[in-house]
Amino acid sequence: MLRRFWLFFAQAVTVLLALMFIIATLKPQWLQRQGQFGKQLAEPIVALREVAPGMGSGGQVQNSYADAAQKAMPAVVNVFSSKDGSLPPDPRAKDPLFRYFFGDKNKKQQEQPAANLGSGVIVSSEGYILTNQHVVDGADQIEIALADGRTTNAKVIGVDPETDLAVLKVNMTNLPTITLGRMDQTRVGDVVLAIGNPFGVGQTVTMGIVSALGRNHLGINTFENFIQTDAPINPGNSGGALVDVNGNLLGINTAIYSRSGGSLGIGFAIPVSTARSVLESIITTGSVTRGWIGVEPQDVTPEIAESFGLEQKSGAIVAGVLKGGPADKAGIKPGDILVSVNGQDITDTTRLLNVIAQIKPGTDAKVHLVRKNKEMDLTVMIGKRPPPPKQPSDEGDDEDGG
């Protein structure tokens, strides 16, 4: 019996070895697949641990911004402003032959009010709305349309042409308001949403990222500290909201860089920090008060430093001094290079304007300057910045894209 069992076992082993030899010879991939399968069981866990930290805060990738949009959209309004009789007369209208063929149609068109389109953001339940100054500049009538379909007239509380901001007010109840965000937590690369009424098609949300912070020297406003974004912004978006992924206000959309009038992926928004400061000042005093010393500054460039033999390679050189102004009374002279004000470094003219503007008029400021390659300190009593000269407003549509 035992001999028969061993004979059967030996035959079974022989058959199994023969099958393994045949498989190894004819179908070796069958054996390789088994080896790879056993190897794959351990690999995914290690790979996931390596990838997970790179998924961002919270370890989750956000694939929808609907919550942020729904939070902010009710507080973004459409702004329609009109100017009566603002269309210039057609010189051909005096030609009898022209009137014979075209009648008084051109005259009727001239009598129609010129309309301007923009957006705004409700920032207070009391009815205060932030928008751009150029949206309501010279308007005889301003109408606000809410996202819920309600419409009403608005009045201008105050404007600040040097930042292109305006504060409007409406008398309505149950107004949705937006939450103000924090600029100190905003970084280049953050996802942002632009909300407004481009081309009058209705409320629209576009998405992009923060492309840059602190953009200046653009020649758009006197005081520039723009957020740059590639979120599509078009004419009609002026005064609309730039919000973060939580629906909090980061900026007021103002302008785009464009050669065609359409979005090229370079848009600019006024930071919420600037907008809030202007808003509070206008609500409190009806205007924005800034410091001023009465100088005509110019950037110190390497070329200027070399041509004048200056050791100082940065700062703001004084090209002119207003006679009788604060700087003149303090002894500042043309050719002086302003290096710091109250301990804050002055790197260029934009920095000088911003630092001086933040100082309360009537207070003393310590100015460190370089005169003929010698350093010295002067004390200047800050004056009140005079309002900018009123520029003739452009007729027709908003062409800067904001």
Protein backbone atom coordinates (compact mmCIF):
# COMPACT_ATOMS: atom_id res chain seq x y z
CA MET A 1 0.00 0.00 0.00
CA LEU A 2 2.76 2.42 0.96
CA ARG A 3 4.70 1.55 -2.18
CA ARG A 4 1.64 2.32 -4.34
CA PHE A 5 1.20 5.77 -2.60
CA TRP A 6 4.79 6.80 -3.27
CA LEU A 7 4.44 5.67 -6.86
CA PHE A 8 1.35 7.86 -7.27
CA PHE A 9 3.09 10.84 -5.59
CA ALA A 10 6.11 10.50 -7.84
CA GLN A 11 3.96 10.38 -10.94
CA ALA A 12 2.05 13.54 -9.81
CA VAL A 13 5.30 15.46 -9.17
CA THR A 14 6.64 14.33 -12.53
CA VAL A 15 3.50 15.57 -14.32
CA LEU A 16 3.60 18.92 -12.43
CA LEU A 17 7.27 19.49 -13.29
CA ALA A 18 6.54 18.63 -16.91
CA LEU A 19 3.70 21.18 -16.99
CA MET A 20 5.96 23.86 -15.43
CA PHE A 21 8.66 23.10 -18.02
CA ILE A 22 6.14 23.38 -20.87
CA ILE A 23 4.73 26.68 -19.50
CA ALA A 24 8.22 28.12 -18.94
CA THR A 25 9.16 27.17 -22.48
CA LEU A 26 6.03 28.14 -24.39
CA LYS A 27 4.30 30.78 -22.16
CA PRO A 28 6.95 32.38 -19.89
CA GLN A 29 4.84 35.59 -19.57
CA TRP A 30 2.34 33.69 -17.46
CA LEU A 31 4.93 33.23 -14.77
CA GLN A 32 6.12 36.90 -15.12
CA ARG A 33 2.61 38.26 -14.61
CA GLN A 34 2.33 36.42 -11.35
CA GLY A 35 5.58 37.92 -10.15
CA GLN A 36 4.54 41.48 -11.16
CA PHE A 37 1.13 41.13 -9.51
CA GLY A 38 2.73 40.23 -6.25
CA LYS A 39 5.05 43.23 -6.61
CA GLN A 40 2.21 45.69 -7.36
CA LEU A 41 0.44 44.90 -4.14
CA ALA A 42 3.06 46.86 -2.18
CA GLU A 43 3.86 49.74 -4.56
CA PRO A 44 0.62 51.88 -4.46
CA ILE A 45 0.86 52.58 -0.73
CA VAL A 46 4.39 53.96 -1.02
CA ALA A 47 3.50 56.05 -4.10
CA LEU A 48 0.42 57.56 -2.45
CA ARG A 49 2.42 58.65 0.55
CA GLU A 50 4.81 60.51 -1.72
CA VAL A 51 2.07 62.25 -3.76
CA ALA A 52 -0.29 63.23 -0.96
CA PRO A 53 1.79 66.13 0.49
CA GLY A 54 1.84 67.83 -2.91
CA MET A 55 -1.93 68.03 -3.17
CA GLY A 56 -2.06 71.33 -1.31
CA SER A 57 -3.54 72.31 2.04
CA GLY A 58 -6.10 69.83 3.24
CA GLY A 59 -4.82 67.14 0.87
CA GLN A 60 -7.72 67.67 -1.55
CA VAL A 61 -7.89 69.17 -5.02
CA GLN A 62 -10.79 71.62 -5.49
CA ASN A 63 -12.59 70.96 -8.75
CA SER A 64 -15.45 73.45 -8.34
CA TYR A 65 -15.72 77.03 -7.15
CA ALA A 66 -19.52 77.12 -7.13
CA ASP A 67 -19.69 77.80 -3.37
CA ALA A 68 -17.41 80.84 -3.66
CA ALA A 69 -19.35 82.16 -6.65
CA GLN A 70 -22.73 81.67 -4.98
CA LYS A 71 -21.48 83.46 -1.87
CA ALA A 72 -20.18 86.53 -3.71
CA MET A 73 -22.51 86.89 -6.72
CA PRO A 74 -25.56 88.32 -4.89
CA ALA A 75 -23.46 91.28 -3.67
CA VAL A 76 -22.19 92.19 -7.17
CA VAL A 77 -24.49 94.61 -9.01
CA ASN A 78 -24.79 96.06 -12.48
CA VAL A 79 -24.27 99.82 -12.74
CA PHE A 80 -25.92 101.83 -15.52
CA SER A 81 -25.02 105.52 -15.69
CA SER A 82 -26.26 108.05 -18.23
CA LYS A 83 -25.26 111.53 -19.32
CA ASP A 84 -27.90 113.73 -20.88
CA GLY A 85 -26.96 115.49 -24.12
CA SER A 86 -23.38 114.32 -24.02
CA LEU A 87 -23.07 113.23 -27.64
CA PRO A 88 -21.13 115.76 -29.74
CA PRO A 89 -23.01 117.32 -32.69
CA ASP A 90 -22.31 115.97 -36.15
CA PRO A 91 -20.77 118.81 -38.25
CA ARG A 92 -22.55 117.46 -41.34
CA ALA A 93 -25.92 118.25 -39.77
CA LYS A 94 -25.59 121.87 -40.98
CA ASP A 95 -25.32 120.73 -44.59
CA PRO A 96 -28.76 121.12 -46.30
CA LEU A 97 -27.96 118.26 -48.70
CA PHE A 98 -27.11 115.98 -45.76
CA ARG A 99 -30.39 116.87 -44.02
CA TYR A 100 -32.31 116.28 -47.25
CA PHE A 101 -31.12 112.68 -47.54
CA PHE A 102 -30.87 111.80 -43.82
CA GLY A 103 -33.44 114.11 -42.25
CA ASP A 104 -33.26 114.76 -38.53
CA LYS A 105 -32.35 111.19 -37.60
CA ASN A 106 -28.86 112.25 -36.60
CA LYS A 107 -30.29 115.04 -34.45
CA LYS A 108 -32.51 112.62 -32.58
CA GLN A 109 -29.53 110.36 -31.90
CA GLN A 110 -27.62 113.32 -30.48
CA GLU A 111 -30.47 114.07 -28.08
CA GLN A 112 -30.37 110.55 -26.66
CA PRO A 113 -28.41 110.23 -23.41
CA ALA A 114 -25.04 108.49 -23.55
CA ALA A 115 -24.98 105.33 -21.43
CA ASN A 116 -22.09 103.82 -19.54
CA LEU A 117 -21.99 100.27 -18.23
CA GLY A 118 -20.11 98.86 -15.29
CA SER A 119 -20.36 96.83 -12.12
CA GLY A 120 -20.27 97.44 -8.39
CA VAL A 121 -19.97 95.61 -5.07
CA ILE A 122 -22.29 95.99 -2.08
CA VAL A 123 -19.99 96.26 0.94
CA SER A 124 -22.46 97.34 3.62
CA SER A 125 -26.02 96.50 4.60
CA GLU A 126 -26.57 100.27 4.84
CA GLY A 127 -26.45 100.36 1.04
CA TYR A 128 -22.88 101.46 0.33
CA ILE A 129 -21.48 100.24 -3.00
CA LEU A 130 -17.89 100.34 -4.26
CA THR A 131 -17.27 100.87 -7.96
CA ASN A 132 -14.84 102.67 -10.27
CA GLN A 133 -14.88 106.43 -10.57
CA HIS A 134 -14.75 106.27 -14.36
CA VAL A 135 -17.98 104.24 -14.40
CA VAL A 136 -20.01 107.09 -12.87
CA ASP A 137 -17.91 110.08 -13.90
CA GLY A 138 -20.15 112.95 -14.98
CA ALA A 139 -23.31 110.82 -14.79
CA ASP A 140 -26.66 112.56 -14.41
CA GLN A 141 -28.42 109.36 -13.40
CA ILE A 142 -27.18 106.07 -11.96
CA GLU A 143 -29.25 102.91 -11.84
CA ILE A 144 -28.32 99.79 -9.92
CA ALA A 145 -29.57 96.31 -10.84
CA LEU A 146 -29.21 93.59 -8.22
CA ALA A 147 -28.65 89.92 -8.98
CA ASP A 148 -32.13 89.14 -7.60
CA GLY A 149 -33.77 91.36 -10.22
CA ARG A 150 -34.42 94.46 -8.11
CA THR A 151 -33.45 97.85 -9.53
CA THR A 152 -33.11 101.27 -7.94
CA ASN A 153 -31.39 104.62 -8.38
CA ALA A 154 -28.14 105.36 -6.58
CA LYS A 155 -26.41 108.55 -5.56
CA VAL A 156 -22.69 109.28 -5.44
CA ILE A 157 -21.37 109.73 -1.90
CA GLY A 158 -17.83 110.54 -3.00
CA VAL A 159 -15.13 109.77 -5.52
CA ASP A 160 -11.36 109.42 -5.46
CA PRO A 161 -9.98 110.01 -8.97
CA GLU A 162 -6.41 109.22 -7.90
CA THR A 163 -7.35 105.59 -7.19
CA ASP A 164 -10.32 105.49 -9.59
CA LEU A 165 -12.75 104.53 -6.83
CA ALA A 166 -16.25 105.79 -6.11
CA VAL A 167 -18.73 105.13 -3.31
CA LEU A 168 -22.43 104.94 -4.13
CA LYS A 169 -25.44 104.54 -1.86
CA VAL A 170 -28.87 103.00 -2.38
CA ASN A 171 -31.88 103.00 -0.07
CA MET A 172 -32.99 99.39 -0.02
CA THR A 173 -33.59 96.69 2.57
CA ASN A 174 -32.39 93.08 2.74
CA LEU A 175 -29.24 93.86 0.81
CA PRO A 176 -26.68 91.08 0.32
CA THR A 177 -23.15 92.12 1.26
CA ILE A 178 -19.72 90.76 0.43
CA THR A 179 -17.10 89.74 2.98
CA LEU A 180 -13.83 91.66 2.77
CA GLY A 181 -10.75 89.48 2.38
CA ARG A 182 -7.20 90.04 3.61
CA MET A 183 -4.44 91.06 1.26
CA ASP A 184 -1.68 89.93 3.62
CA GLN A 185 -2.75 86.33 3.01
CA THR A 186 -2.89 86.66 -0.78
CA ARG A 187 -0.07 85.08 -2.77
CA VAL A 188 0.91 84.90 -6.42
CA GLY A 189 -0.64 81.72 -7.81
CA ASP A 190 -3.82 81.86 -5.71
CA VAL A 191 -7.00 81.06 -7.64
CA VAL A 192 -9.36 84.04 -8.00
CA LEU A 193 -12.77 84.68 -9.56
CA ALA A 194 -13.79 87.86 -11.40
CA ILE A 195 -17.49 88.72 -11.18
CA GLY A 196 -19.17 91.46 -13.21
CA ASN A 197 -21.30 92.32 -16.21
CA PRO A 198 -19.01 92.19 -19.28
CA PHE A 199 -20.46 93.71 -22.46
CA GLY A 200 -23.85 93.90 -20.74
CA VAL A 201 -24.55 90.18 -21.26
CA GLY A 202 -25.45 89.69 -17.59
CA GLN A 203 -23.64 88.64 -14.46
CA THR A 204 -20.64 86.49 -15.36
CA VAL A 205 -17.98 84.63 -13.39
CA THR A 206 -14.51 83.98 -14.81
CA MET A 207 -11.58 82.19 -13.17
CA GLY A 208 -7.83 82.73 -13.10
CA ILE A 209 -4.95 83.15 -10.72
CA VAL A 210 -3.13 86.04 -9.08
CA SER A 211 -0.41 86.76 -11.64
CA ALA A 212 1.41 89.45 -9.65
CA LEU A 213 1.02 91.75 -6.65
CA GLY A 214 1.95 95.40 -6.18
CA ARG A 215 1.91 96.34 -9.87
CA ASN A 216 2.65 100.04 -10.43
CA HIS A 217 4.19 102.40 -12.98
CA LEU A 218 1.30 101.55 -15.31
CA GLY A 219 0.08 105.11 -15.80
CA ILE A 220 -3.50 104.16 -14.95
CA ASN A 221 -3.89 105.94 -11.59
CA THR A 222 -1.82 108.27 -9.46
CA PHE A 223 -1.63 105.74 -6.65
CA GLU A 224 -1.10 102.24 -8.03
CA ASN A 225 -0.74 98.98 -6.12
CA PHE A 226 -2.64 96.65 -8.42
CA ILE A 227 -3.39 92.96 -8.21
CA GLN A 228 -2.64 91.48 -11.63
CA THR A 229 -4.74 88.51 -12.73
CA ASP A 230 -5.33 86.42 -15.82
CA ALA A 231 -9.02 85.93 -14.99
CA PRO A 232 -10.79 87.24 -18.15
CA ILE A 233 -11.95 90.85 -17.60
CA ASN A 234 -13.75 92.79 -20.32
CA PRO A 235 -15.54 96.13 -20.78
CA GLY A 236 -18.39 96.22 -18.28
CA ASN A 237 -16.39 94.47 -15.56
CA SER A 238 -15.25 97.84 -14.17
CA GLY A 239 -16.11 98.07 -10.48
CA GLY A 240 -16.83 94.35 -10.20
CA ALA A 241 -15.42 91.96 -7.64
CA LEU A 242 -12.24 89.92 -7.63
CA VAL A 243 -12.76 87.24 -4.96
CA ASP A 244 -10.81 84.35 -3.51
CA VAL A 245 -11.87 80.69 -3.46
CA ASN A 246 -13.90 81.37 -0.30
CA GLY A 247 -15.90 84.18 -1.95
CA ASN A 248 -14.15 86.98 -0.02
CA LEU A 249 -13.42 90.29 -1.77
CA LEU A 250 -9.78 90.76 -2.75
CA GLY A 251 -10.07 93.68 -5.15
CA ILE A 252 -12.15 95.91 -7.41
CA ASN A 253 -11.62 95.09 -11.09
CA THR A 254 -10.45 98.23 -12.86
CA ALA A 255 -8.64 97.80 -16.16
CA ILE A 256 -7.09 95.41 -18.65
CA TYR A 257 -4.04 95.54 -20.85
CA SER A 258 -5.37 95.17 -24.37
CA ARG A 259 -4.70 96.34 -27.90
CA SER A 260 -8.04 95.12 -29.21
CA GLY A 261 -10.40 96.06 -26.37
CA GLY A 262 -10.81 92.41 -25.38
CA SER A 263 -9.20 90.40 -22.61
CA LEU A 264 -5.61 89.26 -23.21
CA GLY A 265 -5.17 87.67 -19.81
CA ILE A 266 -3.66 90.74 -18.13
CA GLY A 267 -6.19 92.43 -15.86
CA PHE A 268 -5.76 94.74 -12.89
CA ALA A 269 -7.74 95.11 -9.68
CA ILE A 270 -7.48 97.66 -6.87
CA PRO A 271 -6.59 95.78 -3.64
CA VAL A 272 -9.27 95.50 -0.98
CA SER A 273 -6.92 97.22 1.49
CA THR A 274 -6.86 100.37 -0.66
CA ALA A 275 -10.59 100.15 -1.39
CA ARG A 276 -11.43 99.84 2.30
CA SER A 277 -9.31 102.85 3.23
CA VAL A 278 -10.94 104.99 0.54
CA LEU A 279 -14.41 103.75 1.49
CA GLU A 280 -14.01 104.62 5.17
CA SER A 281 -12.53 108.03 4.39
CA ILE A 282 -15.31 108.96 1.96
CA ILE A 283 -18.07 107.77 4.28
CA THR A 284 -16.54 109.67 7.23
CA THR A 285 -15.46 112.92 5.58
CA GLY A 286 -16.90 112.84 2.05
CA SER A 287 -13.43 112.82 0.48
CA VAL A 288 -9.99 111.23 0.74
CA THR A 289 -7.29 113.19 2.58
CA ARG A 290 -3.64 112.45 1.78
CA GLY A 291 -0.31 113.89 2.77
CA TRP A 292 1.73 116.09 0.40
CA ILE A 293 5.04 117.98 0.44
CA GLY A 294 5.00 119.80 -2.91
CA VAL A 295 7.89 118.35 -4.89
CA GLU A 296 8.27 117.10 -8.44
CA PRO A 297 10.13 113.79 -8.02
CA GLN A 298 11.94 111.66 -10.55
CA ASP A 299 13.31 108.13 -10.24
CA VAL A 300 17.05 107.79 -9.69
CA THR A 301 18.14 105.46 -12.49
CA PRO A 302 21.64 104.10 -13.06
CA GLU A 303 21.93 106.42 -16.06
CA ILE A 304 21.02 109.50 -13.99
CA ALA A 305 23.35 108.45 -11.20
CA GLU A 306 26.22 108.01 -13.66
CA SER A 307 25.61 111.27 -15.52
CA PHE A 308 25.49 113.32 -12.31
CA GLY A 309 28.22 111.36 -10.57
CA LEU A 310 25.87 110.26 -7.80
CA GLU A 311 26.88 107.60 -5.33
CA GLN A 312 23.21 107.00 -4.46
CA LYS A 313 21.75 104.51 -6.97
CA SER A 314 18.13 104.49 -5.73
CA GLY A 315 15.58 106.89 -4.32
CA ALA A 316 13.66 109.85 -5.71
CA ILE A 317 15.54 112.89 -6.97
CA VAL A 318 13.80 116.25 -6.57
CA ALA A 319 13.40 117.82 -10.00
CA GLY A 320 11.39 120.78 -8.75
CA VAL A 321 10.04 122.30 -5.52
CA LEU A 322 6.77 124.23 -5.24
CA LYS A 323 7.52 127.69 -3.90
CA GLY A 324 5.94 128.14 -0.48
CA GLY A 325 5.08 124.46 -0.20
CA PRO A 326 5.95 122.17 2.72
CA ALA A 327 9.19 120.95 1.13
CA ASP A 328 10.29 124.49 0.26
CA LYS A 329 9.66 125.67 3.81
CA ALA A 330 11.65 122.74 5.18
CA GLY A 331 14.67 123.54 3.01
CA ILE A 332 14.45 120.78 0.41
CA LYS A 333 16.10 121.88 -2.85
CA PRO A 334 16.12 120.65 -6.46
CA GLY A 335 18.78 117.99 -6.88
CA ASP A 336 18.24 116.49 -3.42
CA ILE A 337 17.76 112.73 -3.38
CA LEU A 338 15.09 111.59 -0.91
CA VAL A 339 16.22 108.31 0.64
CA SER A 340 13.72 107.71 3.46
CA VAL A 341 10.71 109.27 5.16
CA ASN A 342 10.02 108.46 8.82
CA GLY A 343 12.38 105.50 8.52
CA GLN A 344 10.65 104.03 5.47
CA ASP A 345 12.98 103.49 2.52
CA ILE A 346 12.23 105.43 -0.66
CA THR A 347 13.19 103.38 -3.70
CA ASP A 348 11.38 105.36 -6.40
CA THR A 349 8.76 108.06 -6.98
CA THR A 350 5.83 105.67 -6.55
CA ARG A 351 7.11 104.65 -3.15
CA LEU A 352 7.60 108.31 -2.21
CA LEU A 353 4.02 109.22 -3.18
CA ASN A 354 2.55 106.29 -1.26
CA VAL A 355 4.57 106.91 1.90
CA ILE A 356 3.86 110.66 1.97
CA ALA A 357 0.17 110.12 1.20
CA GLN A 358 -0.28 107.92 4.27
CA ILE A 359 1.02 110.61 6.65
CA LYS A 360 -1.66 112.77 8.26
CA PRO A 361 -1.51 116.41 7.12
CA GLY A 362 -0.30 118.78 9.82
CA THR A 363 2.16 116.33 11.32
CA ASP A 364 5.95 116.45 11.11
CA ALA A 365 7.90 113.91 9.09
CA LYS A 366 11.63 113.20 9.22
CA VAL A 367 13.13 113.16 5.74
CA HIS A 368 16.56 111.64 5.17
CA LEU A 369 18.17 112.89 1.95
CA VAL A 370 21.43 113.09 0.06
CA ARG A 371 22.68 116.48 -1.18
CA LYS A 372 25.88 116.59 -3.20
CA ASN A 373 26.78 113.10 -1.93
CA LYS A 374 26.35 114.22 1.69
CA GLU A 375 23.61 112.79 3.90
CA MET A 376 21.37 115.04 5.99
CA ASP A 377 18.02 115.02 7.81
CA LEU A 378 15.23 117.59 7.56
CA THR A 379 11.86 117.89 9.25
CA VAL A 380 8.90 118.60 6.98
CA MET A 381 5.40 119.51 8.11
CA ILE A 382 3.14 117.45 5.87
CA GLY A 383 0.51 119.41 3.95
CA LYS A 384 -2.81 118.32 2.50
CA ARG A 385 -2.63 116.96 -1.03
CA PRO A 386 -4.67 119.21 -3.37
CA PRO A 387 -7.31 117.54 -5.54
CA PRO A 388 -6.17 116.63 -9.05
CA PRO A 389 -7.26 118.93 -11.89
CA LYS A 390 -10.52 117.71 -13.39
CA GLN A 391 -9.94 116.03 -16.72
CA PRO A 392 -12.56 116.13 -19.48
CA SER A 393 -14.37 112.80 -19.34
CA ASP A 394 -14.27 110.54 -22.37
CA GLU A 395 -17.57 110.08 -24.11
CA GLY A 396 -19.09 106.75 -24.98
CA ASP A 397 -18.20 103.26 -23.88
CA ASP A 398 -15.69 102.18 -21.29
CA GLU A 399 -12.64 101.32 -23.36
CA ASP A 400 -10.14 100.40 -20.66
CA GLY A 401 -11.76 97.06 -20.09
CA GLY A 402 -12.55 97.54 -16.45
